Amino acid sequence: MEERIVGGNWRDRAATSFQCEKQPATSSRGMVVSNHPLASSAGAEMLAAGGNAIDAAIATLFTLTVVEPMMVGIIGGGMAHIRLADGSHRFIDGQSTVPLAVKPDTYTSKPGSAHDVFDTVGNENLNGPKAVAVPGSLKAWCETLRRFGTMSLADVMQPAIKHAARGYAATPYLHECITDGAEEMLKDKPISAIYLPDGAPLKPGERVVQAEYAETLKYIADHGDNALYQGPLGDILVDYMKKNGGFIAQADLATYKTVERQPIRCDYRGWEILGPPPPAASGVHITQMLNILEGYDIARLGFGTAETIHYLAEVLKIAFADRAAASGDPAYINVPVERLTSKAYAEERRRAIDPAAAQAWSAGVTQLESAHTTHMTAADAMGNVVATTQTINNLFGAKILIPGLGTVPNNYMNLFDPRPGHALSLAAGKRVTTSMSPMMALRDGRLTYALGLPGGKRIFPSAMQALINLIDHGMSLQEAVEAPRVWTEGNALEVEQAVPEAVRAALSAKGHKVQVVPTVAGGMNAIQFHADGTMSGAACWRADGTPVGIAGGLARAGVRFALR
């Protein structure tokens, strides 16, 4: 391994340059970063009221179901990375599961679909009631608040209820997301009534009012998650499924359980990186990629150079080949975590990389044979930190709205292989495999970064690039989340527009099929923890991300003033 360059300005060695579009926030008493300003404000309100990071996170998530309805909902799923003040880490797996009525051959794969394309005849696993998996989000949020929070469910839900009942102004980003999903959403009257009044997408600045959903939220605030999993809200969901051909039944809701899991830990250049374990693919494959990249002097090669991007592309292809072979729910398949995360396996794969030419890669482990999400990060002054990624999968999930609940359900069934006999094939009760990457990074045992983002299969490669931006290139937090990204799983090499033509040409000369795209994955947000106890929060230009920090504090003891 060559001696690494440390220090200096990363821009001096970069071939790709960019300017940050947003400013970070700083704080001393707490920070919340999410992909909507009202949601970040809801979390900050809990911190200001004396709550902890868990209270703030749950308030933020409930508010996101209102103000980012295309991304997250109570009929969804997610993964939360929680670090408590005692330094312990845990993941709360609230991922959706396959309904009990679904069989391995319930759907028919579209003829001629590639091995990694899960399209079905009639798009039954993509749009409509048959696309909806058993929800985990609401149970996970309520359980997490009970276990680790300090405030009542009713208190943390107040901002969400207010914004649902009174409405809020649609952002240009929401308008564009509605426009993208309009063709399918127009087939469903309840969802169209809110987001496509008079048949046209809500315009920026117009009010989004969700009166029916406000009533649902009020009922949950009073009765907790049992309202859905064992109560009348669940009855409404199940009745809708029965009438419209969906699969979710009472037994699915009554038997759903969250799972607490331990993180995957990676040592990278003296940093300890912690990520989610299976059924998430992210922690395993970020570790795998970092282990391979550790053998190269990424700092010296420079940010956004053809050499650096070439190595990123090759490790991405390796990771995706292994992911296709051996990712899944560990309750159903044996995921070879030890081999995939070992330094020896990384060395084996690294030796096969050609520095001058792109290659096609197959799995190096036994063949067992999308997406739109949201992310938020919260921290308090006591040392509690939450990084959580939540989703209803595609934009506006199943593109329907459940009457009586007023909420958009997930289309998680689209993440399962409709062909039997593979690692990601359907099985009753199976949890979805995800790329969600709520990551944390420690140096000398001290938490330094917490970050994450939405974006389907592009999530964990983007999170890995942000970690490299911070650790190898020495970028600021704002630079690291906004920096141009690349992505491939073996076909086209996607590069964001800021990657210059000369770099693209050099990559093409190495054999990469370069494709310029507006964005790779979605809006990243992150928190940096400084040695003096302050925090920085950053969000990138790819979403409505907004950091809100709490500073200041209470009056000095005994202080009074009098008018004389």
Protein backbone atom coordinates (compact mmCIF):
# COMPACT_ATOMS: atom_id res chain seq x y z
CA MET A 1 0.00 0.00 0.00
CA GLU A 2 1.40 3.37 -1.02
CA GLU A 3 1.98 6.12 1.48
CA ARG A 4 -1.13 8.27 1.59
CA ILE A 5 -1.35 12.01 1.16
CA VAL A 6 -2.86 13.63 4.21
CA GLY A 7 -3.70 17.32 4.50
CA GLY A 8 -3.77 20.04 1.90
CA ASN A 9 -6.84 21.14 0.02
CA TRP A 10 -8.69 18.34 -1.76
CA ARG A 11 -9.53 20.76 -4.59
CA ASP A 12 -5.84 20.94 -5.54
CA ARG A 13 -5.95 17.23 -6.51
CA ALA A 14 -9.51 17.16 -7.91
CA ALA A 15 -10.52 16.80 -11.56
CA THR A 16 -14.16 17.58 -10.78
CA SER A 17 -15.08 20.85 -9.12
CA PHE A 18 -18.37 22.13 -7.71
CA GLN A 19 -19.74 24.86 -5.47
CA CYS A 20 -22.07 24.13 -2.57
CA GLU A 21 -25.61 25.43 -2.97
CA LYS A 22 -26.65 25.33 0.68
CA GLN A 23 -25.17 26.46 3.98
CA PRO A 24 -24.68 24.23 7.03
CA ALA A 25 -26.18 24.99 10.43
CA THR A 26 -24.31 24.88 13.74
CA SER A 27 -25.61 24.23 17.21
CA SER A 28 -24.64 23.33 20.74
CA ARG A 29 -27.86 21.83 22.13
CA GLY A 30 -29.19 19.68 19.33
CA MET A 31 -29.62 19.32 15.59
CA VAL A 32 -32.27 17.92 13.26
CA VAL A 33 -31.74 17.53 9.53
CA SER A 34 -34.48 16.21 7.24
CA ASN A 35 -35.62 16.68 3.67
CA HIS A 36 -38.34 19.23 4.50
CA PRO A 37 -38.03 22.41 6.61
CA LEU A 38 -41.32 21.83 8.46
CA ALA A 39 -40.25 18.33 9.45
CA SER A 40 -36.87 19.53 10.71
CA SER A 41 -38.67 22.27 12.63
CA ALA A 42 -40.98 19.69 14.24
CA GLY A 43 -37.99 17.76 15.54
CA ALA A 44 -36.27 20.93 16.73
CA GLU A 45 -39.46 21.88 18.60
CA MET A 46 -39.14 18.67 20.64
CA LEU A 47 -35.50 19.47 21.47
CA ALA A 48 -36.49 23.00 22.47
CA ALA A 49 -39.15 21.54 24.77
CA GLY A 50 -36.55 19.42 26.57
CA GLY A 51 -36.97 16.21 24.56
CA ASN A 52 -34.14 14.00 23.36
CA ALA A 53 -32.99 12.99 19.87
CA ILE A 54 -35.43 10.08 19.77
CA ASP A 55 -38.38 12.37 20.53
CA ALA A 56 -37.12 14.71 17.81
CA ALA A 57 -36.72 11.89 15.29
CA ILE A 58 -40.22 10.50 15.77
CA ALA A 59 -41.77 13.98 15.56
CA THR A 60 -39.81 14.57 12.35
CA LEU A 61 -40.90 11.26 10.82
CA PHE A 62 -44.60 11.77 11.54
CA THR A 63 -44.36 15.26 10.05
CA LEU A 64 -42.58 13.89 6.97
CA THR A 65 -45.60 11.63 6.34
CA VAL A 66 -47.56 14.85 5.88
CA VAL A 67 -45.11 17.15 4.10
CA GLU A 68 -43.20 14.49 2.12
CA PRO A 69 -46.13 12.15 1.37
CA MET A 70 -44.50 10.89 -1.82
CA MET A 71 -41.64 9.40 0.19
CA VAL A 72 -42.77 8.18 3.60
CA GLY A 73 -45.94 7.03 5.35
CA ILE A 74 -47.35 5.02 8.22
CA ILE A 75 -48.09 2.18 5.73
CA GLY A 76 -44.39 1.96 4.91
CA GLY A 77 -41.16 0.55 6.30
CA GLY A 78 -37.72 1.63 7.43
CA MET A 79 -34.52 1.15 9.34
CA ALA A 80 -33.33 3.31 12.26
CA HIS A 81 -29.75 3.52 13.55
CA ILE A 82 -29.82 4.66 17.16
CA ARG A 83 -26.81 5.59 19.27
CA LEU A 84 -27.66 6.20 22.91
CA ALA A 85 -25.79 8.46 25.32
CA ASP A 86 -24.09 5.37 26.81
CA GLY A 87 -22.34 4.77 23.45
CA SER A 88 -24.37 1.69 22.50
CA HIS A 89 -25.60 1.24 18.92
CA ARG A 90 -28.64 -0.64 17.68
CA PHE A 91 -30.75 -0.89 14.55
CA ILE A 92 -34.52 -1.03 14.77
CA ASP A 93 -35.73 -2.94 11.72
CA GLY A 94 -39.25 -1.82 10.85
CA GLN A 95 -39.10 -3.16 7.31
CA SER A 96 -42.22 -4.32 5.54
CA THR A 97 -42.93 -8.03 5.10
CA VAL A 98 -44.61 -10.22 2.50
CA PRO A 99 -48.30 -10.86 3.35
CA LEU A 100 -49.10 -14.42 4.44
CA ALA A 101 -51.39 -14.94 1.44
CA VAL A 102 -48.56 -14.37 -1.06
CA LYS A 103 -46.86 -17.42 -2.62
CA PRO A 104 -43.54 -17.56 -4.52
CA ASP A 105 -45.46 -17.65 -7.81
CA THR A 106 -48.30 -15.22 -6.97
CA TYR A 107 -47.11 -12.75 -9.61
CA THR A 108 -46.09 -13.50 -13.21
CA SER A 109 -42.75 -12.08 -14.28
CA LYS A 110 -42.83 -10.05 -17.48
CA PRO A 111 -41.43 -12.29 -20.23
CA GLY A 112 -37.83 -11.50 -21.08
CA SER A 113 -37.09 -9.56 -17.86
CA ALA A 114 -33.41 -9.40 -16.89
CA HIS A 115 -32.36 -11.18 -13.69
CA ASP A 116 -32.32 -7.91 -11.74
CA VAL A 117 -35.65 -6.61 -13.12
CA PHE A 118 -38.68 -7.61 -11.04
CA ASP A 119 -41.45 -6.32 -13.33
CA THR A 120 -44.65 -8.36 -13.44
CA VAL A 121 -47.51 -8.77 -15.89
CA GLY A 122 -50.01 -5.97 -15.33
CA ASN A 123 -47.53 -4.21 -12.99
CA GLU A 124 -49.40 -5.87 -10.10
CA ASN A 125 -46.36 -5.65 -7.80
CA LEU A 126 -45.77 -1.99 -8.72
CA ASN A 127 -49.09 -0.13 -8.59
CA GLY A 128 -52.35 -0.69 -6.75
CA PRO A 129 -53.43 -2.86 -3.80
CA LYS A 130 -51.48 -6.00 -4.80
CA ALA A 131 -48.23 -4.02 -4.54
CA VAL A 132 -48.69 -3.25 -0.83
CA ALA A 133 -46.59 -5.15 1.74
CA VAL A 134 -47.31 -5.40 5.47
CA PRO A 135 -46.36 -2.04 7.05
CA GLY A 136 -43.71 -1.74 9.75
CA SER A 137 -43.13 2.00 10.12
CA LEU A 138 -45.84 2.90 12.61
CA LYS A 139 -45.06 0.05 14.99
CA ALA A 140 -41.32 0.79 14.82
CA TRP A 141 -41.80 4.50 15.51
CA CYS A 142 -44.14 3.98 18.45
CA GLU A 143 -42.00 1.24 20.01
CA THR A 144 -38.85 3.31 19.58
CA LEU A 145 -40.46 6.30 21.28
CA ARG A 146 -41.68 4.15 24.19
CA ARG A 147 -38.27 2.54 24.68
CA PHE A 148 -35.88 5.43 24.17
CA GLY A 149 -37.87 8.68 24.09
CA THR A 150 -39.00 10.93 26.93
CA MET A 151 -42.15 12.53 25.51
CA SER A 152 -45.67 11.24 24.87
CA LEU A 153 -46.83 10.08 21.46
CA ALA A 154 -49.50 12.80 21.51
CA ASP A 155 -46.86 15.50 22.03
CA VAL A 156 -44.50 14.38 19.27
CA MET A 157 -47.40 14.01 16.81
CA GLN A 158 -48.81 17.51 17.29
CA PRO A 159 -46.80 19.18 14.48
CA ALA A 160 -47.84 16.46 12.00
CA ILE A 161 -51.51 16.78 12.98
CA LYS A 162 -51.35 20.57 12.64
CA HIS A 163 -49.82 20.50 9.15
CA ALA A 164 -52.22 17.81 7.94
CA ALA A 165 -55.30 19.67 9.19
CA ARG A 166 -54.30 23.25 8.37
CA GLY A 167 -52.28 22.49 5.26
CA TYR A 168 -48.89 23.69 4.06
CA ALA A 169 -47.49 25.18 0.87
CA ALA A 170 -46.43 22.72 -1.82
CA THR A 171 -42.76 23.10 -2.77
CA PRO A 172 -41.50 22.95 -6.37
CA TYR A 173 -39.96 19.57 -5.48
CA LEU A 174 -43.35 18.15 -4.41
CA HIS A 175 -44.93 19.56 -7.58
CA GLU A 176 -42.32 17.80 -9.71
CA CYS A 177 -42.81 14.51 -7.86
CA ILE A 178 -46.59 14.70 -8.39
CA THR A 179 -45.98 15.44 -12.06
CA ASP A 180 -43.74 12.36 -12.36
CA GLY A 181 -46.43 10.09 -10.87
CA ALA A 182 -49.47 11.84 -12.36
CA GLU A 183 -50.34 9.33 -15.09
CA GLU A 184 -50.81 6.47 -12.62
CA MET A 185 -52.18 8.60 -9.76
CA LEU A 186 -54.99 9.93 -11.96
CA LYS A 187 -56.42 6.39 -12.03
CA ASP A 188 -57.20 6.67 -8.29
CA LYS A 189 -59.80 9.28 -7.30
CA PRO A 190 -58.85 9.60 -3.59
CA ILE A 191 -55.17 10.36 -4.26
CA SER A 192 -56.03 12.62 -7.21
CA ALA A 193 -58.42 14.67 -5.08
CA ILE A 194 -55.51 15.86 -2.91
CA TYR A 195 -52.53 16.02 -5.25
CA LEU A 196 -54.14 16.47 -8.69
CA PRO A 197 -57.20 18.67 -8.13
CA ASP A 198 -58.99 19.32 -11.43
CA GLY A 199 -56.69 16.72 -13.00
CA ALA A 200 -53.51 18.82 -12.74
CA PRO A 201 -50.61 18.56 -10.26
CA LEU A 202 -50.64 20.97 -7.32
CA LYS A 203 -48.58 24.01 -8.18
CA PRO A 204 -45.79 25.35 -5.97
CA GLY A 205 -47.29 27.50 -3.24
CA GLU A 206 -50.74 25.88 -3.33
CA ARG A 207 -52.04 24.42 -0.07
CA VAL A 208 -51.84 20.71 0.61
CA VAL A 209 -54.65 19.87 3.04
CA GLN A 210 -55.09 16.30 4.33
CA ALA A 211 -58.13 16.50 6.63
CA GLU A 212 -58.86 12.77 6.62
CA TYR A 213 -55.23 11.93 7.40
CA ALA A 214 -55.29 14.48 10.24
CA GLU A 215 -58.11 12.46 11.85
CA THR A 216 -56.07 9.26 11.41
CA LEU A 217 -53.09 10.89 13.11
CA LYS A 218 -55.27 12.13 15.98
CA TYR A 219 -56.59 8.62 16.53
CA ILE A 220 -53.03 7.20 16.57
CA ALA A 221 -51.96 9.94 19.01
CA ASP A 222 -54.72 8.78 21.38
CA HIS A 223 -54.48 4.99 20.89
CA GLY A 224 -50.93 4.26 19.73
CA ASP A 225 -49.79 1.75 17.13
CA ASN A 226 -52.47 -0.76 18.20
CA ALA A 227 -54.92 1.46 16.32
CA LEU A 228 -53.46 0.02 13.12
CA TYR A 229 -52.13 -3.39 14.12
CA GLN A 230 -55.05 -4.51 16.28
CA GLY A 231 -57.71 -1.82 15.93
CA PRO A 232 -60.12 0.06 13.70
CA LEU A 233 -57.49 1.64 11.43
CA GLY A 234 -56.28 -1.85 10.60
CA ASP A 235 -59.87 -2.89 9.87
CA ILE A 236 -60.13 -0.05 7.33
CA LEU A 237 -56.89 -1.17 5.64
CA VAL A 238 -57.89 -4.85 5.55
CA ASP A 239 -61.39 -4.09 4.24
CA TYR A 240 -59.89 -2.00 1.43
CA MET A 241 -57.52 -4.84 0.55
CA LYS A 242 -60.36 -7.41 0.49
CA LYS A 243 -62.51 -5.26 -1.79
CA ASN A 244 -59.69 -4.36 -4.17
CA GLY A 245 -57.69 -7.58 -4.50
CA GLY A 246 -54.87 -6.76 -2.09
CA PHE A 247 -53.22 -9.34 0.16
CA ILE A 248 -52.92 -7.78 3.64
CA ALA A 249 -55.15 -9.50 6.22
CA GLN A 250 -55.78 -9.10 9.96
CA ALA A 251 -53.28 -11.88 10.72
CA ASP A 252 -50.51 -9.97 8.92
CA LEU A 253 -51.02 -6.90 11.08
CA ALA A 254 -51.50 -8.83 14.34
CA THR A 255 -48.33 -10.89 13.89
CA TYR A 256 -46.02 -8.13 12.59
CA LYS A 257 -42.93 -7.59 14.77
CA THR A 258 -39.99 -5.23 14.62
CA VAL A 259 -36.49 -6.67 15.03
CA GLU A 260 -33.58 -5.14 16.93
CA ARG A 261 -30.27 -5.86 15.21
CA GLN A 262 -26.59 -5.17 15.83
CA PRO A 263 -24.56 -3.05 13.40
CA ILE A 264 -22.04 -4.22 10.84
CA ARG A 265 -18.70 -2.69 11.85
CA CYS A 266 -15.94 -1.76 9.43
CA ASP A 267 -12.41 -0.53 10.08
CA TYR A 268 -11.35 1.91 7.33
CA ARG A 269 -8.03 3.73 7.65
CA GLY A 270 -8.42 3.83 11.44
CA TRP A 271 -12.05 4.92 11.35
CA GLU A 272 -14.85 2.71 12.67
CA ILE A 273 -17.84 2.75 10.31
CA LEU A 274 -21.16 1.34 11.56
CA GLY A 275 -23.96 0.38 9.18
CA PRO A 276 -27.12 -1.74 9.05
CA PRO A 277 -26.99 -5.54 8.95
CA PRO A 278 -29.07 -7.90 6.77
CA PRO A 279 -31.75 -7.85 5.53
CA ALA A 280 -30.25 -4.46 4.60
CA ALA A 281 -27.54 -4.94 2.00
CA SER A 282 -25.87 -1.63 2.78
CA GLY A 283 -23.71 -2.28 5.84
CA VAL A 284 -22.23 -5.43 4.34
CA HIS A 285 -21.48 -3.95 0.93
CA ILE A 286 -20.23 -0.55 2.14
CA THR A 287 -17.79 -2.51 4.31
CA GLN A 288 -16.85 -4.69 1.35
CA MET A 289 -16.23 -1.69 -0.92
CA LEU A 290 -14.26 0.28 1.67
CA ASN A 291 -12.10 -2.78 2.36
CA ILE A 292 -11.21 -2.99 -1.33
CA LEU A 293 -10.63 0.76 -1.70
CA GLU A 294 -8.37 0.78 1.36
CA GLY A 295 -5.66 -0.67 -0.89
CA TYR A 296 -5.60 2.46 -3.06
CA ASP A 297 -4.44 5.98 -2.18
CA ILE A 298 -7.75 7.62 -2.97
CA ALA A 299 -6.62 10.95 -1.50
CA ARG A 300 -3.64 11.13 -3.87
CA LEU A 301 -5.69 10.03 -6.88
CA GLY A 302 -8.02 12.96 -6.20
CA PHE A 303 -11.72 13.62 -6.16
CA GLY A 304 -13.64 13.11 -9.38
CA THR A 305 -10.63 11.99 -11.42
CA ALA A 306 -10.94 9.21 -14.00
CA GLU A 307 -8.69 7.04 -11.83
CA THR A 308 -10.77 7.44 -8.67
CA ILE A 309 -14.10 7.04 -10.48
CA HIS A 310 -12.78 3.92 -12.24
CA TYR A 311 -11.99 2.26 -8.92
CA LEU A 312 -15.37 3.36 -7.52
CA ALA A 313 -17.12 1.85 -10.54
CA GLU A 314 -15.27 -1.45 -10.24
CA VAL A 315 -16.01 -1.88 -6.52
CA LEU A 316 -19.65 -0.97 -7.14
CA LYS A 317 -19.94 -3.67 -9.80
CA ILE A 318 -18.30 -6.20 -7.48
CA ALA A 319 -20.67 -5.27 -4.65
CA PHE A 320 -23.77 -5.49 -6.83
CA ALA A 321 -22.73 -8.88 -8.23
CA ASP A 322 -22.39 -10.22 -4.69
CA ARG A 323 -25.59 -8.46 -3.58
CA ALA A 324 -27.60 -10.15 -6.31
CA ALA A 325 -26.22 -13.53 -5.25
CA ALA A 326 -26.47 -13.35 -1.51
CA SER A 327 -28.58 -10.54 -0.07
CA GLY A 328 -31.83 -11.11 1.73
CA ASP A 329 -33.67 -11.74 4.97
CA PRO A 330 -31.31 -13.73 7.24
CA ALA A 331 -34.34 -15.60 8.61
CA TYR A 332 -34.80 -17.12 5.14
CA ILE A 333 -31.35 -17.32 3.54
CA ASN A 334 -27.79 -17.67 4.81
CA VAL A 335 -26.11 -14.35 4.04
CA PRO A 336 -22.29 -14.88 4.04
CA VAL A 337 -21.59 -11.74 6.09
CA GLU A 338 -18.20 -12.86 7.42
CA ARG A 339 -16.74 -13.59 4.00
CA LEU A 340 -18.17 -10.48 2.32
CA THR A 341 -16.84 -8.16 5.05
CA SER A 342 -13.41 -9.77 5.49
CA LYS A 343 -10.17 -8.03 4.54
CA ALA A 344 -8.99 -11.29 2.91
CA TYR A 345 -11.97 -11.35 0.54
CA ALA A 346 -11.37 -7.68 -0.27
CA GLU A 347 -7.74 -8.46 -1.14
CA GLU A 348 -8.89 -11.32 -3.37
CA ARG A 349 -11.26 -9.04 -5.26
CA ARG A 350 -8.77 -6.14 -5.40
CA ARG A 351 -6.12 -8.32 -7.06
CA ALA A 352 -8.51 -8.93 -9.95
CA ILE A 353 -9.17 -5.23 -10.65
CA ASP A 354 -7.46 -3.85 -13.75
CA PRO A 355 -6.43 -0.20 -13.16
CA ALA A 356 -6.65 0.48 -16.90
CA ALA A 357 -9.83 -1.27 -17.98
CA ALA A 358 -13.44 -1.75 -16.94
CA GLN A 359 -14.52 -5.35 -16.37
CA ALA A 360 -17.68 -7.37 -16.00
CA TRP A 361 -17.90 -9.04 -12.59
CA SER A 362 -19.68 -12.11 -11.33
CA ALA A 363 -20.42 -13.04 -7.72
CA GLY A 364 -17.55 -14.16 -5.54
CA VAL A 365 -19.90 -15.84 -3.09
CA THR A 366 -22.25 -18.76 -3.56
CA GLN A 367 -25.19 -17.89 -5.79
CA LEU A 368 -28.30 -18.25 -3.65
CA GLU A 369 -29.88 -16.87 -6.22
CA SER A 370 -35.58 2.01 -6.62
CA ALA A 371 -36.89 3.62 -5.27
CA HIS A 372 -37.81 6.75 -3.35
CA THR A 373 -37.23 7.19 0.34
CA THR A 374 -36.50 9.84 2.90
CA HIS A 375 -33.80 10.19 5.51
CA MET A 376 -33.44 12.25 8.67
CA THR A 377 -30.74 12.66 11.28
CA ALA A 378 -31.16 14.02 14.81
CA ALA A 379 -28.87 14.54 17.78
CA ASP A 380 -29.18 16.04 21.24
CA ALA A 381 -26.64 17.47 23.67
CA MET A 382 -26.72 14.31 25.83
CA GLY A 383 -25.16 12.07 23.18
CA ASN A 384 -28.27 10.44 21.72
CA VAL A 385 -28.23 10.25 17.91
CA VAL A 386 -30.75 8.87 15.42
CA ALA A 387 -30.11 8.33 11.71
CA THR A 388 -33.11 6.75 10.03
CA THR A 389 -34.22 6.02 6.50
CA GLN A 390 -37.92 5.41 5.83
CA THR A 391 -39.90 4.76 2.67
CA ILE A 392 -43.06 3.76 0.88
CA ASN A 393 -40.65 2.60 -1.87
CA ASN A 394 -41.49 4.37 -5.15
CA LEU A 395 -42.74 7.95 -5.46
CA PHE A 396 -46.21 7.92 -3.90
CA GLY A 397 -45.79 4.19 -3.20
CA ALA A 398 -48.59 2.14 -4.77
CA LYS A 399 -50.05 5.36 -6.33
CA ILE A 400 -53.28 4.95 -4.36
CA LEU A 401 -54.73 6.46 -1.20
CA ILE A 402 -56.63 4.37 1.36
CA PRO A 403 -60.07 5.98 1.93
CA GLY A 404 -60.81 6.31 5.62
CA LEU A 405 -57.09 6.53 6.44
CA GLY A 406 -56.13 9.33 4.08
CA THR A 407 -52.63 7.94 3.58
CA VAL A 408 -50.60 6.53 0.70
CA PRO A 409 -49.42 2.90 1.13
CA ASN A 410 -46.11 1.38 0.08
CA ASN A 411 -45.41 -0.67 -3.05
CA TYR A 412 -42.69 -2.75 -1.40
CA MET A 413 -43.75 -5.94 -3.22
CA ASN A 414 -41.87 -4.53 -6.21
CA LEU A 415 -38.57 -5.24 -4.39
CA PHE A 416 -39.10 -9.01 -4.45
CA ASP A 417 -38.18 -11.30 -7.34
CA PRO A 418 -41.46 -12.68 -8.78
CA ARG A 419 -39.54 -15.77 -9.99
CA PRO A 420 -39.28 -18.57 -7.40
CA GLY A 421 -35.98 -20.05 -6.26
CA HIS A 422 -33.78 -16.97 -5.86
CA ALA A 423 -32.34 -15.04 -2.90
CA LEU A 424 -34.93 -12.27 -3.26
CA SER A 425 -37.90 -14.48 -4.19
CA LEU A 426 -41.23 -14.15 -2.42
CA ALA A 427 -41.99 -16.01 0.81
CA ALA A 428 -44.76 -15.29 3.31
CA GLY A 429 -43.43 -13.16 6.18
CA LYS A 430 -40.12 -12.37 4.47
CA ARG A 431 -38.67 -8.91 5.07
CA VAL A 432 -37.59 -6.78 2.15
CA THR A 433 -33.93 -6.36 1.30
CA THR A 434 -33.00 -2.71 1.25
CA SER A 435 -30.16 -0.37 0.40
CA MET A 436 -31.00 1.99 3.29
CA SER A 437 -27.80 3.31 4.83
CA PRO A 438 -28.18 5.20 8.09
CA MET A 439 -24.44 5.30 8.79
CA MET A 440 -22.26 6.54 11.63
CA ALA A 441 -18.48 7.00 11.70
CA LEU A 442 -16.26 7.07 14.79
CA ARG A 443 -12.64 8.14 15.20
CA ASP A 444 -10.75 6.98 18.30
CA GLY A 445 -14.06 5.87 19.78
CA ARG A 446 -15.67 9.30 19.39
CA LEU A 447 -18.70 9.72 17.14
CA THR A 448 -17.81 12.13 14.34
CA TYR A 449 -20.41 11.72 11.58
CA ALA A 450 -23.98 10.46 11.15
CA LEU A 451 -25.49 10.50 7.68
CA GLY A 452 -27.91 8.96 5.22
CA LEU A 453 -30.06 9.59 2.16
CA PRO A 454 -32.89 8.23 -0.01
CA GLY A 455 -32.51 6.73 -3.47
CA GLY A 456 -33.17 2.99 -3.80
CA LYS A 457 -30.21 0.94 -5.04
CA ARG A 458 -28.16 4.13 -5.31
CA ILE A 459 -28.29 4.77 -1.55
CA PHE A 460 -25.41 2.70 -0.21
CA PRO A 461 -23.00 3.60 -3.04
CA SER A 462 -23.75 7.29 -2.39
CA ALA A 463 -23.31 6.91 1.38
CA MET A 464 -19.98 5.19 0.75
CA GLN A 465 -18.86 8.06 -1.50
CA ALA A 466 -19.79 10.60 1.19
CA LEU A 467 -17.64 8.71 3.71
CA ILE A 468 -14.73 8.74 1.26
CA ASN A 469 -15.27 12.46 0.66
CA LEU A 470 -14.93 13.06 4.40
CA ILE A 471 -12.20 10.57 5.30
CA ASP A 472 -9.99 10.46 2.18
CA HIS A 473 -10.56 13.82 0.53
CA GLY A 474 -11.02 15.83 3.73
CA MET A 475 -14.09 17.67 2.52
CA SER A 476 -16.26 19.76 4.81
CA LEU A 477 -19.59 18.21 5.76
CA GLN A 478 -21.47 20.47 3.34
CA GLU A 479 -19.09 19.61 0.51
CA ALA A 480 -19.31 15.90 1.25
CA VAL A 481 -23.11 15.75 0.98
CA GLU A 482 -23.32 17.99 -2.10
CA ALA A 483 -20.37 16.53 -4.06
CA PRO A 484 -21.14 14.97 -7.47
CA ARG A 485 -21.81 11.22 -7.32
CA VAL A 486 -21.42 8.23 -9.61
CA TRP A 487 -23.22 4.88 -9.76
CA THR A 488 -23.26 1.61 -11.66
CA GLU A 489 -24.33 -1.94 -11.07
CA GLY A 490 -22.64 -3.28 -14.17
CA ASN A 491 -24.31 -1.60 -17.13
CA ALA A 492 -24.07 2.16 -17.68
CA LEU A 493 -21.78 4.20 -15.43
CA GLU A 494 -23.98 7.08 -14.27
CA VAL A 495 -22.15 10.32 -13.49
CA GLU A 496 -23.71 13.57 -12.37
CA GLN A 497 -23.45 16.57 -14.67
CA ALA A 498 -20.62 18.25 -12.76
CA VAL A 499 -18.19 15.51 -13.82
CA PRO A 500 -16.35 17.24 -16.71
CA GLU A 501 -16.19 16.03 -20.30
CA ALA A 502 -12.47 15.25 -20.09
CA VAL A 503 -13.03 12.87 -17.18
CA ARG A 504 -15.96 11.23 -18.98
CA ALA A 505 -13.79 10.70 -22.07
CA ALA A 506 -11.02 9.10 -19.98
CA LEU A 507 -13.56 6.77 -18.37
CA SER A 508 -14.94 5.82 -21.79
CA ALA A 509 -11.40 5.03 -22.90
CA LYS A 510 -11.17 2.56 -19.99
CA GLY A 511 -14.28 0.82 -21.31
CA HIS A 512 -17.01 2.37 -19.15
CA LYS A 513 -20.35 3.19 -20.80
CA VAL A 514 -20.71 6.67 -19.34
CA GLN A 515 -24.18 8.15 -18.96
CA VAL A 516 -24.67 11.70 -17.66
CA VAL A 517 -27.62 12.04 -15.26
CA PRO A 518 -29.10 15.01 -13.34
CA THR A 519 -28.82 13.22 -9.98
CA VAL A 520 -27.57 9.98 -8.47
CA ALA A 521 -29.85 9.14 -5.51
CA GLY A 522 -31.60 11.76 -3.40
CA GLY A 523 -31.12 14.40 -0.75
CA MET A 524 -28.41 13.45 1.74
CA ASN A 525 -28.37 14.91 5.21
CA ALA A 526 -25.75 14.60 7.89
CA ILE A 527 -24.51 15.77 11.27
CA GLN A 528 -20.88 16.28 12.28
CA PHE A 529 -19.92 16.16 15.96
CA HIS A 530 -17.02 18.44 16.91
CA ALA A 531 -14.59 17.91 19.77
CA ASP A 532 -15.88 21.02 21.60
CA GLY A 533 -19.39 19.59 21.82
CA THR A 534 -20.90 21.64 19.00
CA MET A 535 -22.57 20.09 15.94
CA SER A 536 -22.86 20.97 12.28
CA GLY A 537 -25.85 19.89 10.19
CA ALA A 538 -25.88 19.77 6.41
CA ALA A 539 -28.37 18.89 3.67
CA CYS A 540 -27.78 18.79 -0.08
CA TRP A 541 -29.41 20.34 -3.15
CA ARG A 542 -31.11 17.12 -4.29
CA ALA A 543 -34.17 17.64 -2.03
CA ASP A 544 -35.77 20.24 0.24
CA GLY A 545 -33.26 19.33 2.96
CA THR A 546 -32.99 21.72 5.90
CA PRO A 547 -30.83 21.58 9.04
CA VAL A 548 -32.27 23.18 12.17
CA GLY A 549 -29.99 23.59 15.17
CA ILE A 550 -30.73 24.53 18.76
CA ALA A 551 -28.22 26.72 20.60
CA GLY A 552 -28.47 29.24 23.41
CA GLY A 553 -30.04 27.91 26.60
CA LEU A 554 -31.75 28.80 29.85
CA ALA A 555 -31.02 31.89 31.90
CA ARG A 556 -28.12 31.87 34.36
CA ALA A 557 -29.33 30.72 37.79
CA GLY A 558 -30.46 33.52 40.04
CA VAL A 559 -30.64 36.16 37.33
CA ARG A 560 -33.34 38.82 37.78
CA PHE A 561 -33.87 42.31 36.53
CA ALA A 562 -35.84 45.20 37.90
CA LEU A 563 -36.94 48.52 36.47
CA ARG A 564 -35.70 51.43 38.60
